Amino acid sequence: MTCYRYDAPVDYGLQRLRLRPPNGASQKILSWTVTTDGATEEAEYSDHYANHVTLLNIDPGTDKLEIRVEGTVETINTNGIIGPHPNTLPLWLFERQTELTQPGTGVAGLVTTLRARDDDALGRLHALSTLIAEKVDYLTGTSDSETTAEEALETGSGVCQDQTHVFLSAARCLGYPARYVSGYLLMDDRIDQQAGHAWAEAHVDGLGWVGFDVSNGISPDDRYLRVATGLDYREAAPVSGLRFGTAGESLDVQIQVQEQ
């Protein structure tokens, strides 16, 4: 559940949800519901990345918006391989850098190190994941949603979002199409979680899209649930939007992921 609380009634606001996972090689959606309180659904559509998007209009005068998601998914361990790229978008689009992934001296150093290695594409990308984990420690509270790949490398810490942005930046510099994935991860030691998860996918000739989770040092298996993709966090964010007025807001997120 995601809950926004406002310290004054909201006059106007929009929220864009990317909270419905697709069927695919690694997952089959058995049931999935998204319900809201404090907003009205205005439209549903598939964006250019084939993400399912719901557009909400915040009810005028509300001081609380709740978004509740519940579902059951059958997952399959494909060793991170999602498969061939559909012909909906050109692959070269995924080599385009964004404001959050724009490379600088830090990323350039990673790229130089990797170009010196005698690896095939898959080996080079796994080496990139390992190198980023060494350079950017997983540490909460040291970054936010606007932290760039270069800033994460400079501070040497961040969360899965930051590690993924570094991977995307370097992979694209190496000539690999790469995209951001937002979703969920079934953890071994807990059901309740404070946030969703993020990882990268790179396109490898002969395999198609392959996932790389820098934070955990593996390719995604059957504990992972893919929800949305994009060039960076902004394009795959589960919830994003805008509102008018001076009301302040607080955010509470509660997530449970468990095996049935």
C-alpha atoms as a PDB file:
ATOM      1  CA  MET A   1       0.000   0.000   0.000  1.00  0.00           C
ATOM      2  CA  THR A   2       1.114   3.549  -0.781  1.00  0.00           C
ATOM      3  CA  CYS A   3      -0.473   6.343   1.248  1.00  0.00           C
ATOM      4  CA  TYR A   4      -0.045  10.081   0.680  1.00  0.00           C
ATOM      5  CA  ARG A   5      -1.231  12.376   3.470  1.00  0.00           C
ATOM      6  CA  TYR A   6      -1.573  16.115   2.840  1.00  0.00           C
ATOM      7  CA  ASP A   7      -1.569  18.815   5.510  1.00  0.00           C
ATOM      8  CA  ALA A   8      -4.185  20.795   3.554  1.00  0.00           C
ATOM      9  CA  PRO A   9      -6.888  19.807   1.047  1.00  0.00           C
ATOM     10  CA  VAL A  10      -5.529  19.263  -2.467  1.00  0.00           C
ATOM     11  CA  ASP A  11      -7.165  21.355  -5.197  1.00  0.00           C
ATOM     12  CA  TYR A  12      -5.840  19.423  -8.181  1.00  0.00           C
ATOM     13  CA  GLY A  13      -3.391  16.600  -8.744  1.00  0.00           C
ATOM     14  CA  LEU A  14      -2.550  13.754 -11.102  1.00  0.00           C
ATOM     15  CA  GLN A  15      -0.820  10.462 -10.363  1.00  0.00           C
ATOM     16  CA  ARG A  16       0.604   8.049 -12.911  1.00  0.00           C
ATOM     17  CA  LEU A  17       0.788   4.421 -11.792  1.00  0.00           C
ATOM     18  CA  ARG A  18       2.994   1.699 -13.254  1.00  0.00           C
ATOM     19  CA  LEU A  19       1.891  -1.025 -10.889  1.00  0.00           C
ATOM     20  CA  ARG A  20       0.539  -3.819 -13.110  1.00  0.00           C
ATOM     21  CA  PRO A  21       3.198  -6.387 -14.061  1.00  0.00           C
ATOM     22  CA  PRO A  22       3.160  -7.967 -17.536  1.00  0.00           C
ATOM     23  CA  ASN A  23       3.093 -11.622 -18.449  1.00  0.00           C
ATOM     24  CA  GLY A  24       6.431 -12.735 -19.844  1.00  0.00           C
ATOM     25  CA  ALA A  25       9.123 -15.366 -20.031  1.00  0.00           C
ATOM     26  CA  SER A  26       9.852 -15.191 -16.297  1.00  0.00           C
ATOM     27  CA  GLN A  27       6.347 -14.690 -14.894  1.00  0.00           C
ATOM     28  CA  LYS A  28       2.650 -15.430 -15.321  1.00  0.00           C
ATOM     29  CA  ILE A  29       0.119 -13.153 -13.641  1.00  0.00           C
ATOM     30  CA  LEU A  30      -2.568 -15.245 -11.910  1.00  0.00           C
ATOM     31  CA  SER A  31      -4.430 -12.348 -10.283  1.00  0.00           C
ATOM     32  CA  TRP A  32      -3.760  -8.645  -9.807  1.00  0.00           C
ATOM     33  CA  THR A  33      -5.832  -5.739  -8.497  1.00  0.00           C
ATOM     34  CA  VAL A  34      -5.126  -2.041  -8.011  1.00  0.00           C
ATOM     35  CA  THR A  35      -7.616   0.005  -5.961  1.00  0.00           C
ATOM     36  CA  THR A  36      -7.514   3.618  -4.838  1.00  0.00           C
ATOM     37  CA  ASP A  37      -9.194   5.835  -2.272  1.00  0.00           C
ATOM     38  CA  GLY A  38      -9.049   9.595  -2.711  1.00  0.00           C
ATOM     39  CA  ALA A  39      -8.659   9.597  -6.501  1.00  0.00           C
ATOM     40  CA  THR A  40     -10.613   8.789  -9.656  1.00  0.00           C
ATOM     41  CA  GLU A  41      -9.237   6.676 -12.486  1.00  0.00           C
ATOM     42  CA  GLU A  42      -9.188   8.728 -15.684  1.00  0.00           C
ATOM     43  CA  ALA A  43      -7.431   6.460 -18.197  1.00  0.00           C
ATOM     44  CA  GLU A  44      -5.470   3.261 -18.727  1.00  0.00           C
ATOM     45  CA  TYR A  45      -2.981   2.712 -21.518  1.00  0.00           C
ATOM     46  CA  SER A  46       0.261   1.001 -22.545  1.00  0.00           C
ATOM     47  CA  ASP A  47       3.189   3.368 -22.894  1.00  0.00           C
ATOM     48  CA  HIS A  48       5.943   3.086 -25.508  1.00  0.00           C
ATOM     49  CA  TYR A  49       7.810   0.564 -23.323  1.00  0.00           C
ATOM     50  CA  ALA A  50       4.659  -1.594 -23.081  1.00  0.00           C
ATOM     51  CA  ASN A  51       4.213  -0.688 -19.406  1.00  0.00           C
ATOM     52  CA  HIS A  52       0.621  -0.731 -18.176  1.00  0.00           C
ATOM     53  CA  VAL A  53      -0.123   2.814 -16.995  1.00  0.00           C
ATOM     54  CA  THR A  54      -3.094   4.066 -14.978  1.00  0.00           C
ATOM     55  CA  LEU A  55      -3.759   7.806 -14.767  1.00  0.00           C
ATOM     56  CA  LEU A  56      -5.464   9.055 -11.605  1.00  0.00           C
ATOM     57  CA  ASN A  57      -7.095  12.409 -10.880  1.00  0.00           C
ATOM     58  CA  ILE A  58      -6.828  13.219  -7.171  1.00  0.00           C
ATOM     59  CA  ASP A  59     -10.281  14.005  -5.827  1.00  0.00           C
ATOM     60  CA  PRO A  60     -10.537  17.786  -5.172  1.00  0.00           C
ATOM     61  CA  GLY A  61     -10.437  18.598  -1.479  1.00  0.00           C
ATOM     62  CA  THR A  62      -8.982  15.273  -0.344  1.00  0.00           C
ATOM     63  CA  ASP A  63      -6.293  15.160   2.333  1.00  0.00           C
ATOM     64  CA  LYS A  64      -5.324  11.499   1.811  1.00  0.00           C
ATOM     65  CA  LEU A  65      -4.674   9.264  -1.180  1.00  0.00           C
ATOM     66  CA  GLU A  66      -4.342   5.498  -0.771  1.00  0.00           C
ATOM     67  CA  ILE A  67      -3.179   3.128  -3.501  1.00  0.00           C
ATOM     68  CA  ARG A  68      -3.529  -0.585  -2.719  1.00  0.00           C
ATOM     69  CA  VAL A  69      -2.059  -3.361  -4.857  1.00  0.00           C
ATOM     70  CA  GLU A  70      -2.516  -7.101  -4.384  1.00  0.00           C
ATOM     71  CA  GLY A  71      -1.756 -10.027  -6.628  1.00  0.00           C
ATOM     72  CA  THR A  72      -0.486 -13.548  -7.152  1.00  0.00           C
ATOM     73  CA  VAL A  73       2.190 -14.350  -9.708  1.00  0.00           C
ATOM     74  CA  GLU A  74       3.778 -17.592 -10.864  1.00  0.00           C
ATOM     75  CA  THR A  75       7.476 -16.951 -11.457  1.00  0.00           C
ATOM     76  CA  ILE A  76       9.997 -18.962 -13.457  1.00  0.00           C
ATOM     77  CA  ASN A  77      13.777 -19.070 -13.084  1.00  0.00           C
ATOM     78  CA  THR A  78      15.171 -18.166 -16.522  1.00  0.00           C
ATOM     79  CA  ASN A  79      18.623 -17.248 -15.163  1.00  0.00           C
ATOM     80  CA  GLY A  80      17.819 -13.630 -15.869  1.00  0.00           C
ATOM     81  CA  ILE A  81      17.156 -14.173 -19.582  1.00  0.00           C
ATOM     82  CA  ILE A  82      14.006 -12.383 -20.725  1.00  0.00           C
ATOM     83  CA  GLY A  83      14.558 -13.137 -24.394  1.00  0.00           C
ATOM     84  CA  PRO A  84      14.422 -11.391 -27.781  1.00  0.00           C
ATOM     85  CA  HIS A  85      13.618  -7.726 -28.131  1.00  0.00           C
ATOM     86  CA  PRO A  86      10.147  -7.112 -29.614  1.00  0.00           C
ATOM     87  CA  ASN A  87      10.007  -4.882 -32.668  1.00  0.00           C
ATOM     88  CA  THR A  88       8.060  -2.137 -30.905  1.00  0.00           C
ATOM     89  CA  LEU A  89      11.044   0.146 -30.310  1.00  0.00           C
ATOM     90  CA  PRO A  90      14.490   0.264 -31.950  1.00  0.00           C
ATOM     91  CA  LEU A  91      17.256  -1.185 -29.810  1.00  0.00           C
ATOM     92  CA  TRP A  92      19.392   1.897 -30.305  1.00  0.00           C
ATOM     93  CA  LEU A  93      16.923   3.862 -28.164  1.00  0.00           C
ATOM     94  CA  PHE A  94      18.227   1.948 -25.134  1.00  0.00           C
ATOM     95  CA  GLU A  95      21.740   3.218 -25.762  1.00  0.00           C
ATOM     96  CA  ARG A  96      20.565   6.785 -25.108  1.00  0.00           C
ATOM     97  CA  GLN A  97      21.758   8.330 -21.850  1.00  0.00           C
ATOM     98  CA  THR A  98      19.440  10.348 -19.623  1.00  0.00           C
ATOM     99  CA  GLU A  99      19.965  13.061 -17.037  1.00  0.00           C
ATOM    100  CA  LEU A 100      20.240  10.387 -14.326  1.00  0.00           C
ATOM    101  CA  THR A 101      22.665   8.155 -16.261  1.00  0.00           C
ATOM    102  CA  GLN A 102      24.796  10.788 -18.012  1.00  0.00           C
ATOM    103  CA  PRO A 103      28.395   9.499 -17.827  1.00  0.00           C
ATOM    104  CA  GLY A 104      31.305  11.504 -16.463  1.00  0.00           C
ATOM    105  CA  THR A 105      34.780  10.722 -15.204  1.00  0.00           C
ATOM    106  CA  GLY A 106      33.564   8.075 -12.764  1.00  0.00           C
ATOM    107  CA  VAL A 107      31.725   6.028 -15.355  1.00  0.00           C
ATOM    108  CA  ALA A 108      34.579   6.560 -17.813  1.00  0.00           C
ATOM    109  CA  GLY A 109      36.926   4.896 -15.334  1.00  0.00           C
ATOM    110  CA  LEU A 110      34.676   1.836 -15.126  1.00  0.00           C
ATOM    111  CA  VAL A 111      34.461   1.617 -18.899  1.00  0.00           C
ATOM    112  CA  THR A 112      38.247   1.851 -19.301  1.00  0.00           C
ATOM    113  CA  THR A 113      38.741  -0.966 -16.796  1.00  0.00           C
ATOM    114  CA  LEU A 114      36.234  -3.223 -18.534  1.00  0.00           C
ATOM    115  CA  ARG A 115      37.531  -2.574 -22.045  1.00  0.00           C
ATOM    116  CA  ALA A 116      40.894  -3.863 -20.907  1.00  0.00           C
ATOM    117  CA  ARG A 117      39.364  -7.228 -19.998  1.00  0.00           C
ATOM    118  CA  ASP A 118      39.295 -10.125 -22.436  1.00  0.00           C
ATOM    119  CA  ASP A 119      35.660 -11.127 -21.844  1.00  0.00           C
ATOM    120  CA  ASP A 120      32.690 -11.973 -24.005  1.00  0.00           C
ATOM    121  CA  ALA A 121      29.604  -9.735 -23.690  1.00  0.00           C
ATOM    122  CA  LEU A 122      28.013 -11.706 -20.861  1.00  0.00           C
ATOM    123  CA  GLY A 123      31.260 -11.937 -18.924  1.00  0.00           C
ATOM    124  CA  ARG A 124      31.919  -8.227 -19.350  1.00  0.00           C
ATOM    125  CA  LEU A 125      28.460  -7.282 -18.090  1.00  0.00           C
ATOM    126  CA  HIS A 126      28.760  -9.553 -15.049  1.00  0.00           C
ATOM    127  CA  ALA A 127      32.179  -7.991 -14.378  1.00  0.00           C
ATOM    128  CA  LEU A 128      30.559  -4.557 -14.615  1.00  0.00           C
ATOM    129  CA  SER A 129      27.964  -5.549 -12.011  1.00  0.00           C
ATOM    130  CA  THR A 130      30.665  -6.798  -9.656  1.00  0.00           C
ATOM    131  CA  LEU A 131      32.782  -3.673 -10.138  1.00  0.00           C
ATOM    132  CA  ILE A 132      29.853  -1.355  -9.372  1.00  0.00           C
ATOM    133  CA  ALA A 133      29.064  -3.265  -6.181  1.00  0.00           C
ATOM    134  CA  GLU A 134      32.672  -2.651  -5.117  1.00  0.00           C
ATOM    135  CA  LYS A 135      32.503   1.064  -5.955  1.00  0.00           C
ATOM    136  CA  VAL A 136      28.985   1.874  -4.674  1.00  0.00           C
ATOM    137  CA  ASP A 137      28.107   0.361  -1.305  1.00  0.00           C
ATOM    138  CA  TYR A 138      24.440  -0.404  -0.678  1.00  0.00           C
ATOM    139  CA  LEU A 139      23.543   2.145   2.007  1.00  0.00           C
ATOM    140  CA  THR A 140      20.161   3.759   2.565  1.00  0.00           C
ATOM    141  CA  GLY A 141      19.796   7.437   3.380  1.00  0.00           C
ATOM    142  CA  THR A 142      22.721   8.611   1.247  1.00  0.00           C
ATOM    143  CA  SER A 143      20.802   9.274  -1.981  1.00  0.00           C
ATOM    144  CA  ASP A 144      17.356  10.184  -3.290  1.00  0.00           C
ATOM    145  CA  SER A 145      15.326   9.795  -6.471  1.00  0.00           C
ATOM    146  CA  GLU A 146      17.289  12.593  -8.189  1.00  0.00           C
ATOM    147  CA  THR A 147      20.771  11.207  -7.479  1.00  0.00           C
ATOM    148  CA  THR A 148      22.706  10.633 -10.697  1.00  0.00           C
ATOM    149  CA  ALA A 149      25.033   7.776 -11.579  1.00  0.00           C
ATOM    150  CA  GLU A 150      28.057  10.049 -11.295  1.00  0.00           C
ATOM    151  CA  GLU A 151      26.968  11.351  -7.885  1.00  0.00           C
ATOM    152  CA  ALA A 152      26.550   7.789  -6.593  1.00  0.00           C
ATOM    153  CA  LEU A 153      30.065   6.922  -7.755  1.00  0.00           C
ATOM    154  CA  GLU A 154      31.441  10.087  -6.176  1.00  0.00           C
ATOM    155  CA  THR A 155      29.871   9.422  -2.762  1.00  0.00           C
ATOM    156  CA  GLY A 156      30.531   5.685  -3.011  1.00  0.00           C
ATOM    157  CA  SER A 157      27.117   4.689  -1.693  1.00  0.00           C
ATOM    158  CA  GLY A 158      23.479   4.451  -2.637  1.00  0.00           C
ATOM    159  CA  VAL A 159      20.621   2.002  -3.058  1.00  0.00           C
ATOM    160  CA  CYS A 160      19.582  -0.379  -5.833  1.00  0.00           C
ATOM    161  CA  GLN A 161      18.290   2.528  -7.925  1.00  0.00           C
ATOM    162  CA  ASP A 162      21.706   4.217  -7.876  1.00  0.00           C
ATOM    163  CA  GLN A 163      23.657   1.045  -8.596  1.00  0.00           C
ATOM    164  CA  THR A 164      21.325   0.365 -11.513  1.00  0.00           C
ATOM    165  CA  HIS A 165      21.841   3.855 -12.952  1.00  0.00           C
ATOM    166  CA  VAL A 166      25.617   3.347 -12.863  1.00  0.00           C
ATOM    167  CA  PHE A 167      25.219  -0.002 -14.641  1.00  0.00           C
ATOM    168  CA  LEU A 168      23.012   1.538 -17.336  1.00  0.00           C
ATOM    169  CA  SER A 169      25.425   4.405 -17.928  1.00  0.00           C
ATOM    170  CA  ALA A 170      28.492   2.182 -18.266  1.00  0.00           C
ATOM    171  CA  ALA A 171      26.754  -0.546 -20.289  1.00  0.00           C
ATOM    172  CA  ARG A 172      25.550   2.026 -22.817  1.00  0.00           C
ATOM    173  CA  CYS A 173      29.052   3.481 -23.076  1.00  0.00           C
ATOM    174  CA  LEU A 174      30.266  -0.037 -23.850  1.00  0.00           C
ATOM    175  CA  GLY A 175      27.730  -0.280 -26.670  1.00  0.00           C
ATOM    176  CA  TYR A 176      25.078  -2.434 -24.989  1.00  0.00           C
ATOM    177  CA  PRO A 177      21.415  -1.371 -25.029  1.00  0.00           C
ATOM    178  CA  ALA A 178      20.304  -1.272 -21.398  1.00  0.00           C
ATOM    179  CA  ARG A 179      17.122  -0.522 -19.486  1.00  0.00           C
ATOM    180  CA  TYR A 180      15.936   0.054 -15.920  1.00  0.00           C
ATOM    181  CA  VAL A 181      13.559  -2.447 -14.299  1.00  0.00           C
ATOM    182  CA  SER A 182      11.314  -1.715 -11.330  1.00  0.00           C
ATOM    183  CA  GLY A 183       9.680  -4.561  -9.465  1.00  0.00           C
ATOM    184  CA  TYR A 184       9.773  -6.686  -6.338  1.00  0.00           C
ATOM    185  CA  LEU A 185      12.106  -9.215  -4.775  1.00  0.00           C
ATOM    186  CA  LEU A 186      11.161 -12.070  -2.458  1.00  0.00           C
ATOM    187  CA  MET A 187      13.662 -11.882   0.390  1.00  0.00           C
ATOM    188  CA  ASP A 188      14.718 -14.879   2.450  1.00  0.00           C
ATOM    189  CA  ASP A 189      14.629 -13.181   5.840  1.00  0.00           C
ATOM    190  CA  ARG A 190      11.523 -10.987   5.738  1.00  0.00           C
ATOM    191  CA  ILE A 191       8.048 -10.466   4.327  1.00  0.00           C
ATOM    192  CA  ASP A 192       7.586  -6.779   5.124  1.00  0.00           C
ATOM    193  CA  GLN A 193       9.706  -4.426   3.032  1.00  0.00           C
ATOM    194  CA  GLN A 194      10.195  -0.671   2.970  1.00  0.00           C
ATOM    195  CA  ALA A 195      10.460  -0.320  -0.807  1.00  0.00           C
ATOM    196  CA  GLY A 196      10.343  -2.165  -4.091  1.00  0.00           C
ATOM    197  CA  HIS A 197      13.436  -3.293  -5.936  1.00  0.00           C
ATOM    198  CA  ALA A 198      15.317  -2.191  -9.051  1.00  0.00           C
ATOM    199  CA  TRP A 199      17.803  -3.846 -11.393  1.00  0.00           C
ATOM    200  CA  ALA A 200      19.107  -3.530 -14.939  1.00  0.00           C
ATOM    201  CA  GLU A 201      18.648  -5.466 -18.154  1.00  0.00           C
ATOM    202  CA  ALA A 202      21.146  -5.356 -21.012  1.00  0.00           C
ATOM    203  CA  HIS A 203      20.683  -6.696 -24.526  1.00  0.00           C
ATOM    204  CA  VAL A 204      23.178  -9.428 -25.449  1.00  0.00           C
ATOM    205  CA  ASP A 205      23.394 -10.797 -28.991  1.00  0.00           C
ATOM    206  CA  GLY A 206      22.132 -14.372 -29.108  1.00  0.00           C
ATOM    207  CA  LEU A 207      20.319 -14.135 -25.763  1.00  0.00           C
ATOM    208  CA  GLY A 208      18.240 -10.980 -25.933  1.00  0.00           C
ATOM    209  CA  TRP A 209      17.509  -9.088 -22.730  1.00  0.00           C
ATOM    210  CA  VAL A 210      19.403 -10.331 -19.667  1.00  0.00           C
ATOM    211  CA  GLY A 211      18.936  -9.078 -16.101  1.00  0.00           C
ATOM    212  CA  PHE A 212      21.688  -7.955 -13.708  1.00  0.00           C
ATOM    213  CA  ASP A 213      20.987  -7.168 -10.055  1.00  0.00           C
ATOM    214  CA  VAL A 214      24.021  -5.247  -8.822  1.00  0.00           C
ATOM    215  CA  SER A 215      22.756  -5.083  -5.236  1.00  0.00           C
ATOM    216  CA  ASN A 216      22.670  -8.864  -4.866  1.00  0.00           C
ATOM    217  CA  GLY A 217      25.387  -9.789  -7.363  1.00  0.00           C
ATOM    218  CA  ILE A 218      23.206 -12.143  -9.408  1.00  0.00           C
ATOM    219  CA  SER A 219      20.971 -12.346 -12.436  1.00  0.00           C
ATOM    220  CA  PRO A 220      17.288 -12.339 -11.409  1.00  0.00           C
ATOM    221  CA  ASP A 221      15.722 -15.724 -10.677  1.00  0.00           C
ATOM    222  CA  ASP A 222      12.246 -16.868  -9.639  1.00  0.00           C
ATOM    223  CA  ARG A 223      12.268 -14.587  -6.594  1.00  0.00           C
ATOM    224  CA  TYR A 224      11.958 -11.522  -8.832  1.00  0.00           C
ATOM    225  CA  LEU A 225       8.817  -9.883 -10.215  1.00  0.00           C
ATOM    226  CA  ARG A 226       9.230  -7.459 -13.133  1.00  0.00           C
ATOM    227  CA  VAL A 227       6.678  -4.615 -13.209  1.00  0.00           C
ATOM    228  CA  ALA A 228       7.904  -1.786 -15.452  1.00  0.00           C
ATOM    229  CA  THR A 229      10.888  -0.776 -17.576  1.00  0.00           C
ATOM    230  CA  GLY A 230      12.355   2.452 -18.940  1.00  0.00           C
ATOM    231  CA  LEU A 231      15.588   4.264 -19.640  1.00  0.00           C
ATOM    232  CA  ASP A 232      15.927   5.178 -15.944  1.00  0.00           C
ATOM    233  CA  TYR A 233      13.990   5.382 -12.682  1.00  0.00           C
ATOM    234  CA  ARG A 234      11.816   8.257 -13.823  1.00  0.00           C
ATOM    235  CA  GLU A 235      10.464   6.254 -16.749  1.00  0.00           C
ATOM    236  CA  ALA A 236       9.730   3.136 -14.679  1.00  0.00           C
ATOM    237  CA  ALA A 237       8.712   4.678 -11.344  1.00  0.00           C
ATOM    238  CA  PRO A 238       5.786   2.835  -9.721  1.00  0.00           C
ATOM    239  CA  VAL A 239       4.056   6.104  -8.787  1.00  0.00           C
ATOM    240  CA  SER A 240       4.754   9.595 -10.094  1.00  0.00           C
ATOM    241  CA  GLY A 241       2.715  12.736 -10.592  1.00  0.00           C
ATOM    242  CA  LEU A 242       2.066  16.374  -9.885  1.00  0.00           C
ATOM    243  CA  ARG A 243      -0.270  18.538  -7.870  1.00  0.00           C
ATOM    244  CA  PHE A 244      -1.090  22.211  -7.511  1.00  0.00           C
ATOM    245  CA  GLY A 245      -1.227  24.150  -4.254  1.00  0.00           C
ATOM    246  CA  THR A 246       0.913  24.682  -1.181  1.00  0.00           C
ATOM    247  CA  ALA A 247      -0.073  21.598   0.815  1.00  0.00           C
ATOM    248  CA  GLY A 248       2.782  19.583   2.235  1.00  0.00           C
ATOM    249  CA  GLU A 249       2.733  15.808   2.001  1.00  0.00           C
ATOM    250  CA  SER A 250       3.993  12.738   3.811  1.00  0.00           C
ATOM    251  CA  LEU A 251       4.407   9.314   2.264  1.00  0.00           C
ATOM    252  CA  ASP A 252       3.958   5.887   3.848  1.00  0.00           C
ATOM    253  CA  VAL A 253       4.753   2.731   1.859  1.00  0.00           C
ATOM    254  CA  GLN A 254       4.003  -0.790   3.086  1.00  0.00           C
ATOM    255  CA  ILE A 255       5.041  -3.799   0.982  1.00  0.00           C
ATOM    256  CA  GLN A 256       4.698  -7.495   1.646  1.00  0.00           C
ATOM    257  CA  VAL A 257       6.225 -10.121  -0.658  1.00  0.00           C
ATOM    258  CA  GLN A 258       5.782 -13.758   0.280  1.00  0.00           C
ATOM    259  CA  GLU A 259       5.738 -17.228  -1.233  1.00  0.00           C
ATOM    260  CA  GLN A 260       2.525 -19.216  -1.315  1.00  0.00           C
END
